[in-house]
Amino acid sequence: MNYRVDWTEEADQQLAAVWTAADDRTAVTVAAQRIEQRLGLDPLTQGEARDDFDVRILFDGPLGVVYRVDVFARTVIVVSVGSSRSR
């Protein structure tokens, strides 16, 4: 991996809530793993930029994440997680 990926405690709790409520928990687990891998390789080419240049959003399967990139520290911080599918 080119970037270290960290999840805030709040993002971890949100992921757990999405996983608990999911009809397909395996899909949530696989999407979270895939998101972490994608962000670790090259976070600036993933997802979409937001107003603040270092804030991005990425959707992958049943998950959506908001994350920040620190290019100099080569770190990604996932700050928010939610379900990307409406019920």
PDB file of N, CA and C in Angstrom:
ATOM      1  N   MET A   1       0.837  -1.192   0.000  1.00  0.00           N
ATOM      2  CA  MET A   1       0.000   0.000   0.000  1.00  0.00           C
ATOM      3  C   MET A   1       0.872   1.242   0.000  1.00  0.00           C
ATOM      4  N   ASN A   2       0.422   2.232  -0.702  1.00  0.00           N
ATOM      5  CA  ASN A   2       1.133   3.494  -0.766  1.00  0.00           C
ATOM      6  C   ASN A   2       0.730   4.450   0.345  1.00  0.00           C
ATOM      7  N   TYR A   3      -0.494   4.317   0.863  1.00  0.00           N
ATOM      8  CA  TYR A   3      -1.020   5.180   1.917  1.00  0.00           C
ATOM      9  C   TYR A   3      -1.479   4.315   3.083  1.00  0.00           C
ATOM     10  N   ARG A   4      -1.283   4.825   4.296  1.00  0.00           N
ATOM     11  CA  ARG A   4      -1.849   4.161   5.469  1.00  0.00           C
ATOM     12  C   ARG A   4      -3.299   4.610   5.583  1.00  0.00           C
ATOM     13  N   VAL A   5      -4.201   3.691   5.823  1.00  0.00           N
ATOM     14  CA  VAL A   5      -5.623   3.999   5.946  1.00  0.00           C
ATOM     15  C   VAL A   5      -6.044   3.792   7.399  1.00  0.00           C
ATOM     16  N   ASP A   6      -6.558   4.851   8.004  1.00  0.00           N
ATOM     17  CA  ASP A   6      -7.067   4.801   9.372  1.00  0.00           C
ATOM     18  C   ASP A   6      -8.545   5.154   9.354  1.00  0.00           C
ATOM     19  N   TRP A   7      -9.290   4.551  10.246  1.00  0.00           N
ATOM     20  CA  TRP A   7     -10.719   4.828  10.393  1.00  0.00           C
ATOM     21  C   TRP A   7     -10.917   5.477  11.754  1.00  0.00           C
ATOM     22  N   THR A   8     -11.642   6.596  11.797  1.00  0.00           N
ATOM     23  CA  THR A   8     -11.942   7.206  13.087  1.00  0.00           C
ATOM     24  C   THR A   8     -12.838   6.262  13.883  1.00  0.00           C
ATOM     25  N   GLU A   9     -12.881   6.470  15.179  1.00  0.00           N
ATOM     26  CA  GLU A   9     -13.754   5.649  16.019  1.00  0.00           C
ATOM     27  C   GLU A   9     -15.211   5.794  15.572  1.00  0.00           C
ATOM     28  N   GLU A  10     -15.592   7.022  15.220  1.00  0.00           N
ATOM     29  CA  GLU A  10     -16.965   7.261  14.748  1.00  0.00           C
ATOM     30  C   GLU A  10     -17.239   6.482  13.461  1.00  0.00           C
ATOM     31  N   ALA A  11     -16.296   6.478  12.538  1.00  0.00           N
ATOM     32  CA  ALA A  11     -16.472   5.729  11.291  1.00  0.00           C
ATOM     33  C   ALA A  11     -16.572   4.228  11.570  1.00  0.00           C
ATOM     34  N   ASP A  12     -15.765   3.726  12.499  1.00  0.00           N
ATOM     35  CA  ASP A  12     -15.857   2.313  12.884  1.00  0.00           C
ATOM     36  C   ASP A  12     -17.237   1.985  13.439  1.00  0.00           C
ATOM     37  N   GLN A  13     -17.765   2.869  14.276  1.00  0.00           N
ATOM     38  CA  GLN A  13     -19.093   2.650  14.852  1.00  0.00           C
ATOM     39  C   GLN A  13     -20.178   2.710  13.784  1.00  0.00           C
ATOM     40  N   GLN A  14     -20.035   3.630  12.840  1.00  0.00           N
ATOM     41  CA  GLN A  14     -21.004   3.733  11.755  1.00  0.00           C
ATOM     42  C   GLN A  14     -20.969   2.482  10.884  1.00  0.00           C
ATOM     43  N   LEU A  15     -19.764   1.983  10.592  1.00  0.00           N
ATOM     44  CA  LEU A  15     -19.629   0.754   9.805  1.00  0.00           C
ATOM     45  C   LEU A  15     -20.293  -0.406  10.534  1.00  0.00           C
ATOM     46  N   ALA A  16     -20.078  -0.499  11.826  1.00  0.00           N
ATOM     47  CA  ALA A  16     -20.703  -1.575  12.608  1.00  0.00           C
ATOM     48  C   ALA A  16     -22.228  -1.481  12.551  1.00  0.00           C
ATOM     49  N   ALA A  17     -22.758  -0.268  12.601  1.00  0.00           N
ATOM     50  CA  ALA A  17     -24.210  -0.087  12.530  1.00  0.00           C
ATOM     51  C   ALA A  17     -24.755  -0.491  11.166  1.00  0.00           C
ATOM     52  N   VAL A  18     -24.056  -0.115  10.101  1.00  0.00           N
ATOM     53  CA  VAL A  18     -24.482  -0.509   8.749  1.00  0.00           C
ATOM     54  C   VAL A  18     -24.421  -2.027   8.618  1.00  0.00           C
ATOM     55  N   TRP A  19     -23.345  -2.626   9.117  1.00  0.00           N
ATOM     56  CA  TRP A  19     -23.177  -4.085   9.039  1.00  0.00           C
ATOM     57  C   TRP A  19     -24.295  -4.796   9.795  1.00  0.00           C
ATOM     58  N   THR A  20     -24.615  -4.309  10.991  1.00  0.00           N
ATOM     59  CA  THR A  20     -25.654  -4.928  11.816  1.00  0.00           C
ATOM     60  C   THR A  20     -27.021  -4.859  11.137  1.00  0.00           C
ATOM     61  N   ALA A  21     -27.310  -3.757  10.470  1.00  0.00           N
ATOM     62  CA  ALA A  21     -28.609  -3.559   9.830  1.00  0.00           C
ATOM     63  C   ALA A  21     -28.704  -4.173   8.436  1.00  0.00           C
ATOM     64  N   ALA A  22     -27.590  -4.623   7.896  1.00  0.00           N
ATOM     65  CA  ALA A  22     -27.557  -5.084   6.501  1.00  0.00           C
ATOM     66  C   ALA A  22     -28.239  -6.432   6.313  1.00  0.00           C
ATOM     67  N   ASP A  23     -28.917  -6.570   5.187  1.00  0.00           N
ATOM     68  CA  ASP A  23     -29.465  -7.862   4.784  1.00  0.00           C
ATOM     69  C   ASP A  23     -28.344  -8.798   4.347  1.00  0.00           C
ATOM     70  N   ASP A  24     -27.306  -8.212   3.754  1.00  0.00           N
ATOM     71  CA  ASP A  24     -26.167  -9.004   3.266  1.00  0.00           C
ATOM     72  C   ASP A  24     -24.894  -8.485   3.939  1.00  0.00           C
ATOM     73  N   ARG A  25     -24.596  -9.042   5.083  1.00  0.00           N
ATOM     74  CA  ARG A  25     -23.434  -8.589   5.851  1.00  0.00           C
ATOM     75  C   ARG A  25     -22.119  -8.900   5.148  1.00  0.00           C
ATOM     76  N   THR A  26     -22.100  -9.970   4.384  1.00  0.00           N
ATOM     77  CA  THR A  26     -20.882 -10.312   3.643  1.00  0.00           C
ATOM     78  C   THR A  26     -20.566  -9.219   2.630  1.00  0.00           C
ATOM     79  N   ALA A  27     -21.584  -8.695   1.973  1.00  0.00           N
ATOM     80  CA  ALA A  27     -21.372  -7.626   0.987  1.00  0.00           C
ATOM     81  C   ALA A  27     -20.787  -6.387   1.657  1.00  0.00           C
ATOM     82  N   VAL A  28     -21.233  -6.075   2.858  1.00  0.00           N
ATOM     83  CA  VAL A  28     -20.705  -4.918   3.587  1.00  0.00           C
ATOM     84  C   VAL A  28     -19.243  -5.157   3.952  1.00  0.00           C
ATOM     85  N   THR A  29     -18.945  -6.345   4.445  1.00  0.00           N
ATOM     86  CA  THR A  29     -17.567  -6.678   4.814  1.00  0.00           C
ATOM     87  C   THR A  29     -16.637  -6.606   3.615  1.00  0.00           C
ATOM     88  N   VAL A  30     -17.052  -7.183   2.506  1.00  0.00           N
ATOM     89  CA  VAL A  30     -16.232  -7.181   1.292  1.00  0.00           C
ATOM     90  C   VAL A  30     -16.048  -5.757   0.775  1.00  0.00           C
ATOM     91  N   ALA A  31     -17.101  -4.955   0.803  1.00  0.00           N
ATOM     92  CA  ALA A  31     -16.998  -3.563   0.339  1.00  0.00           C
ATOM     93  C   ALA A  31     -16.041  -2.772   1.216  1.00  0.00           C
ATOM     94  N   ALA A  32     -16.095  -2.960   2.533  1.00  0.00           N
ATOM     95  CA  ALA A  32     -15.183  -2.242   3.439  1.00  0.00           C
ATOM     96  C   ALA A  32     -13.736  -2.630   3.155  1.00  0.00           C
ATOM     97  N   GLN A  33     -13.499  -3.898   2.918  1.00  0.00           N
ATOM     98  CA  GLN A  33     -12.139  -4.346   2.592  1.00  0.00           C
ATOM     99  C   GLN A  33     -11.672  -3.766   1.262  1.00  0.00           C
ATOM    100  N   ARG A  34     -12.570  -3.748   0.293  1.00  0.00           N
ATOM    101  CA  ARG A  34     -12.229  -3.215  -1.028  1.00  0.00           C
ATOM    102  C   ARG A  34     -11.963  -1.713  -0.955  1.00  0.00           C
ATOM    103  N   ILE A  35     -12.760  -0.997  -0.167  1.00  0.00           N
ATOM    104  CA  ILE A  35     -12.558   0.441   0.015  1.00  0.00           C
ATOM    105  C   ILE A  35     -11.195   0.708   0.634  1.00  0.00           C
ATOM    106  N   GLU A  36     -10.869  -0.044   1.673  1.00  0.00           N
ATOM    107  CA  GLU A  36      -9.571   0.160   2.321  1.00  0.00           C
ATOM    108  C   GLU A  36      -8.425  -0.097   1.349  1.00  0.00           C
ATOM    109  N   GLN A  37      -8.558  -1.123   0.540  1.00  0.00           N
ATOM    110  CA  GLN A  37      -7.512  -1.435  -0.439  1.00  0.00           C
ATOM    111  C   GLN A  37      -7.394  -0.319  -1.480  1.00  0.00           C
ATOM    112  N   ARG A  38      -8.523   0.144  -1.992  1.00  0.00           N
ATOM    113  CA  ARG A  38      -8.511   1.199  -3.002  1.00  0.00           C
ATOM    114  C   ARG A  38      -7.903   2.485  -2.459  1.00  0.00           C
ATOM    115  N   LEU A  39      -8.267   2.841  -1.233  1.00  0.00           N
ATOM    116  CA  LEU A  39      -7.744   4.067  -0.632  1.00  0.00           C
ATOM    117  C   LEU A  39      -6.267   3.944  -0.318  1.00  0.00           C
ATOM    118  N   GLY A  40      -5.829   2.756   0.035  1.00  0.00           N
ATOM    119  CA  GLY A  40      -4.419   2.550   0.340  1.00  0.00           C
ATOM    120  C   GLY A  40      -3.530   2.641  -0.880  1.00  0.00           C
ATOM    121  N   LEU A  41      -4.075   2.324  -2.033  1.00  0.00           N
ATOM    122  CA  LEU A  41      -3.269   2.355  -3.253  1.00  0.00           C
ATOM    123  C   LEU A  41      -3.129   3.757  -3.822  1.00  0.00           C
ATOM    124  N   ASP A  42      -4.236   4.467  -3.961  1.00  0.00           N
ATOM    125  CA  ASP A  42      -4.167   5.808  -4.539  1.00  0.00           C
ATOM    126  C   ASP A  42      -5.460   6.561  -4.244  1.00  0.00           C
ATOM    127  N   PRO A  43      -5.589   7.147  -3.078  1.00  0.00           N
ATOM    128  CA  PRO A  43      -6.853   7.756  -2.663  1.00  0.00           C
ATOM    129  C   PRO A  43      -7.287   8.959  -3.487  1.00  0.00           C
ATOM    130  N   LEU A  44      -6.356   9.624  -4.141  1.00  0.00           N
ATOM    131  CA  LEU A  44      -6.715  10.824  -4.899  1.00  0.00           C
ATOM    132  C   LEU A  44      -7.346  10.509  -6.248  1.00  0.00           C
ATOM    133  N   THR A  45      -7.281   9.262  -6.676  1.00  0.00           N
ATOM    134  CA  THR A  45      -7.952   8.884  -7.923  1.00  0.00           C
ATOM    135  C   THR A  45      -9.237   8.122  -7.647  1.00  0.00           C
ATOM    136  N   GLN A  46      -9.585   7.969  -6.395  1.00  0.00           N
ATOM    137  CA  GLN A  46     -10.799   7.262  -6.002  1.00  0.00           C
ATOM    138  C   GLN A  46     -11.874   8.273  -5.624  1.00  0.00           C
ATOM    139  N   GLY A  47     -13.096   7.932  -5.866  1.00  0.00           N
ATOM    140  CA  GLY A  47     -14.208   8.766  -5.432  1.00  0.00           C
ATOM    141  C   GLY A  47     -14.227  10.121  -6.099  1.00  0.00           C
ATOM    142  N   GLU A  48     -14.850  11.056  -5.395  1.00  0.00           N
ATOM    143  CA  GLU A  48     -15.044  12.409  -5.910  1.00  0.00           C
ATOM    144  C   GLU A  48     -14.573  13.422  -4.878  1.00  0.00           C
ATOM    145  N   ALA A  49     -13.998  14.506  -5.353  1.00  0.00           N
ATOM    146  CA  ALA A  49     -13.565  15.587  -4.472  1.00  0.00           C
ATOM    147  C   ALA A  49     -14.778  16.370  -3.981  1.00  0.00           C
ATOM    148  N   ARG A  50     -14.635  16.953  -2.812  1.00  0.00           N
ATOM    149  CA  ARG A  50     -15.652  17.840  -2.259  1.00  0.00           C
ATOM    150  C   ARG A  50     -15.061  19.234  -2.147  1.00  0.00           C
ATOM    151  N   ASP A  51     -15.815  20.161  -1.580  1.00  0.00           N
ATOM    152  CA  ASP A  51     -15.399  21.560  -1.518  1.00  0.00           C
ATOM    153  C   ASP A  51     -14.004  21.730  -0.952  1.00  0.00           C
ATOM    154  N   ASP A  52     -13.736  21.093   0.159  1.00  0.00           N
ATOM    155  CA  ASP A  52     -12.413  21.150   0.778  1.00  0.00           C
ATOM    156  C   ASP A  52     -11.513  20.213  -0.023  1.00  0.00           C
ATOM    157  N   PHE A  53     -10.379  20.689  -0.489  1.00  0.00           N
ATOM    158  CA  PHE A  53      -9.566  19.911  -1.429  1.00  0.00           C
ATOM    159  C   PHE A  53      -9.130  18.554  -0.896  1.00  0.00           C
ATOM    160  N   ASP A  54      -9.066  18.387   0.415  1.00  0.00           N
ATOM    161  CA  ASP A  54      -8.601  17.100   0.929  1.00  0.00           C
ATOM    162  C   ASP A  54      -9.734  16.190   1.387  1.00  0.00           C
ATOM    163  N   VAL A  55     -10.983  16.583   1.152  1.00  0.00           N
ATOM    164  CA  VAL A  55     -12.134  15.760   1.515  1.00  0.00           C
ATOM    165  C   VAL A  55     -12.704  15.127   0.259  1.00  0.00           C
ATOM    166  N   ARG A  56     -12.909  13.819   0.329  1.00  0.00           N
ATOM    167  CA  ARG A  56     -13.421  13.074  -0.824  1.00  0.00           C
ATOM    168  C   ARG A  56     -14.514  12.129  -0.360  1.00  0.00           C
ATOM    169  N   ILE A  57     -15.333  11.672  -1.302  1.00  0.00           N
ATOM    170  CA  ILE A  57     -16.387  10.704  -1.019  1.00  0.00           C
ATOM    171  C   ILE A  57     -16.257   9.562  -2.014  1.00  0.00           C
ATOM    172  N   LEU A  58     -16.455   8.352  -1.531  1.00  0.00           N
ATOM    173  CA  LEU A  58     -16.321   7.156  -2.362  1.00  0.00           C
ATOM    174  C   LEU A  58     -17.482   6.224  -2.089  1.00  0.00           C
ATOM    175  N   PHE A  59     -18.109   5.740  -3.155  1.00  0.00           N
ATOM    176  CA  PHE A  59     -19.173   4.747  -3.048  1.00  0.00           C
ATOM    177  C   PHE A  59     -18.661   3.439  -3.621  1.00  0.00           C
ATOM    178  N   ASP A  60     -18.941   2.368  -2.899  1.00  0.00           N
ATOM    179  CA  ASP A  60     -18.556   1.033  -3.362  1.00  0.00           C
ATOM    180  C   ASP A  60     -19.591   0.054  -2.833  1.00  0.00           C
ATOM    181  N   GLY A  61     -20.421  -0.441  -3.735  1.00  0.00           N
ATOM    182  CA  GLY A  61     -21.452  -1.391  -3.332  1.00  0.00           C
ATOM    183  C   GLY A  61     -22.375  -0.787  -2.297  1.00  0.00           C
ATOM    184  N   PRO A  62     -22.554  -1.483  -1.194  1.00  0.00           N
ATOM    185  CA  PRO A  62     -23.517  -1.001  -0.201  1.00  0.00           C
ATOM    186  C   PRO A  62     -22.984   0.103   0.711  1.00  0.00           C
ATOM    187  N   LEU A  63     -21.749   0.545   0.512  1.00  0.00           N
ATOM    188  CA  LEU A  63     -21.154   1.541   1.406  1.00  0.00           C
ATOM    189  C   LEU A  63     -20.780   2.829   0.686  1.00  0.00           C
ATOM    190  N   GLY A  64     -20.848   3.891   1.442  1.00  0.00           N
ATOM    191  CA  GLY A  64     -20.295   5.166   1.028  1.00  0.00           C
ATOM    192  C   GLY A  64     -19.422   5.672   2.166  1.00  0.00           C
ATOM    193  N   VAL A  65     -18.265   6.229   1.837  1.00  0.00           N
ATOM    194  CA  VAL A  65     -17.369   6.754   2.871  1.00  0.00           C
ATOM    195  C   VAL A  65     -16.922   8.163   2.508  1.00  0.00           C
ATOM    196  N   VAL A  66     -16.732   8.965   3.538  1.00  0.00           N
ATOM    197  CA  VAL A  66     -16.126  10.283   3.402  1.00  0.00           C
ATOM    198  C   VAL A  66     -14.749  10.167   4.033  1.00  0.00           C
ATOM    199  N   TYR A  67     -13.749  10.676   3.324  1.00  0.00           N
ATOM    200  CA  TYR A  67     -12.389  10.538   3.837  1.00  0.00           C
ATOM    201  C   TYR A  67     -11.554  11.765   3.520  1.00  0.00           C
ATOM    202  N   ARG A  68     -10.484  11.907   4.285  1.00  0.00           N
ATOM    203  CA  ARG A  68      -9.515  12.990   4.105  1.00  0.00           C
ATOM    204  C   ARG A  68      -8.180  12.384   3.721  1.00  0.00           C
ATOM    205  N   VAL A  69      -7.451  13.102   2.906  1.00  0.00           N
ATOM    206  CA  VAL A  69      -6.141  12.635   2.458  1.00  0.00           C
ATOM    207  C   VAL A  69      -5.078  13.627   2.913  1.00  0.00           C
ATOM    208  N   ASP A  70      -4.056  13.103   3.566  1.00  0.00           N
ATOM    209  CA  ASP A  70      -2.875  13.901   3.907  1.00  0.00           C
ATOM    210  C   ASP A  70      -1.752  13.374   3.018  1.00  0.00           C
ATOM    211  N   VAL A  71      -1.508  14.079   1.924  1.00  0.00           N
ATOM    212  CA  VAL A  71      -0.536  13.632   0.931  1.00  0.00           C
ATOM    213  C   VAL A  71       0.864  13.571   1.518  1.00  0.00           C
ATOM    214  N   PHE A  72       1.203  14.551   2.332  1.00  0.00           N
ATOM    215  CA  PHE A  72       2.562  14.611   2.874  1.00  0.00           C
ATOM    216  C   PHE A  72       2.830  13.467   3.850  1.00  0.00           C
ATOM    217  N   ALA A  73       1.840  13.117   4.659  1.00  0.00           N
ATOM    218  CA  ALA A  73       1.994  12.007   5.611  1.00  0.00           C
ATOM    219  C   ALA A  73       1.613  10.669   4.976  1.00  0.00           C
ATOM    220  N   ARG A  74       1.101  10.728   3.737  1.00  0.00           N
ATOM    221  CA  ARG A  74       0.659   9.523   3.018  1.00  0.00           C
ATOM    222  C   ARG A  74      -0.320   8.726   3.865  1.00  0.00           C
ATOM    223  N   THR A  75      -1.324   9.467   4.369  1.00  0.00           N
ATOM    224  CA  THR A  75      -2.329   8.891   5.250  1.00  0.00           C
ATOM    225  C   THR A  75      -3.724   9.240   4.752  1.00  0.00           C
ATOM    226  N   VAL A  76      -4.618   8.291   4.881  1.00  0.00           N
ATOM    227  CA  VAL A  76      -6.035   8.492   4.590  1.00  0.00           C
ATOM    228  C   VAL A  76      -6.782   8.272   5.897  1.00  0.00           C
ATOM    229  N   ILE A  77      -7.712   9.182   6.195  1.00  0.00           N
ATOM    230  CA  ILE A  77      -8.551   9.033   7.379  1.00  0.00           C
ATOM    231  C   ILE A  77      -9.994   8.918   6.910  1.00  0.00           C
ATOM    232  N   VAL A  78     -10.605   7.772   7.154  1.00  0.00           N
ATOM    233  CA  VAL A  78     -12.032   7.604   6.859  1.00  0.00           C
ATOM    234  C   VAL A  78     -12.782   8.215   8.042  1.00  0.00           C
ATOM    235  N   VAL A  79     -13.585   9.252   7.760  1.00  0.00           N
ATOM    236  CA  VAL A  79     -14.238   9.995   8.833  1.00  0.00           C
ATOM    237  C   VAL A  79     -15.725   9.687   8.970  1.00  0.00           C
ATOM    238  N   SER A  80     -16.324   9.111   7.930  1.00  0.00           N
ATOM    239  CA  SER A  80     -17.758   8.838   7.980  1.00  0.00           C
ATOM    240  C   SER A  80     -18.088   7.673   7.054  1.00  0.00           C
ATOM    241  N   VAL A  81     -19.023   6.843   7.489  1.00  0.00           N
ATOM    242  CA  VAL A  81     -19.451   5.686   6.714  1.00  0.00           C
ATOM    243  C   VAL A  81     -20.967   5.621   6.751  1.00  0.00           C
ATOM    244  N   GLY A  82     -21.555   5.267   5.615  1.00  0.00           N
ATOM    245  CA  GLY A  82     -22.997   5.082   5.578  1.00  0.00           C
ATOM    246  C   GLY A  82     -23.376   4.098   4.500  1.00  0.00           C
ATOM    247  N   SER A  83     -24.642   3.724   4.529  1.00  0.00           N
ATOM    248  CA  SER A  83     -25.168   2.837   3.504  1.00  0.00           C
ATOM    249  C   SER A  83     -25.401   3.656   2.245  1.00  0.00           C
ATOM    250  N   SER A  84     -25.006   3.117   1.098  1.00  0.00           N
ATOM    251  CA  SER A  84     -25.196   3.866  -0.147  1.00  0.00           C
ATOM    252  C   SER A  84     -26.467   3.469  -0.862  1.00  0.00           C
ATOM    253  N   ARG A  85     -27.231   2.606  -0.254  1.00  0.00           N
ATOM    254  CA  ARG A  85     -28.511   2.178  -0.843  1.00  0.00           C
ATOM    255  C   ARG A  85     -29.642   2.594   0.069  1.00  0.00           C
ATOM    256  N   SER A  86     -30.648   3.175  -0.531  1.00  0.00           N
ATOM    257  CA  SER A  86     -31.813   3.555   0.274  1.00  0.00           C
ATOM    258  C   SER A  86     -32.692   2.326   0.483  1.00  0.00           C
ATOM    259  N   ARG A  87     -33.446   2.348   1.545  1.00  0.00           N
ATOM    260  CA  ARG A  87     -34.291   1.192   1.871  1.00  0.00           C
ATOM    261  C   ARG A  87     -35.672   1.383   1.338  1.00  0.00           C
TER     262      ARG A  87
END
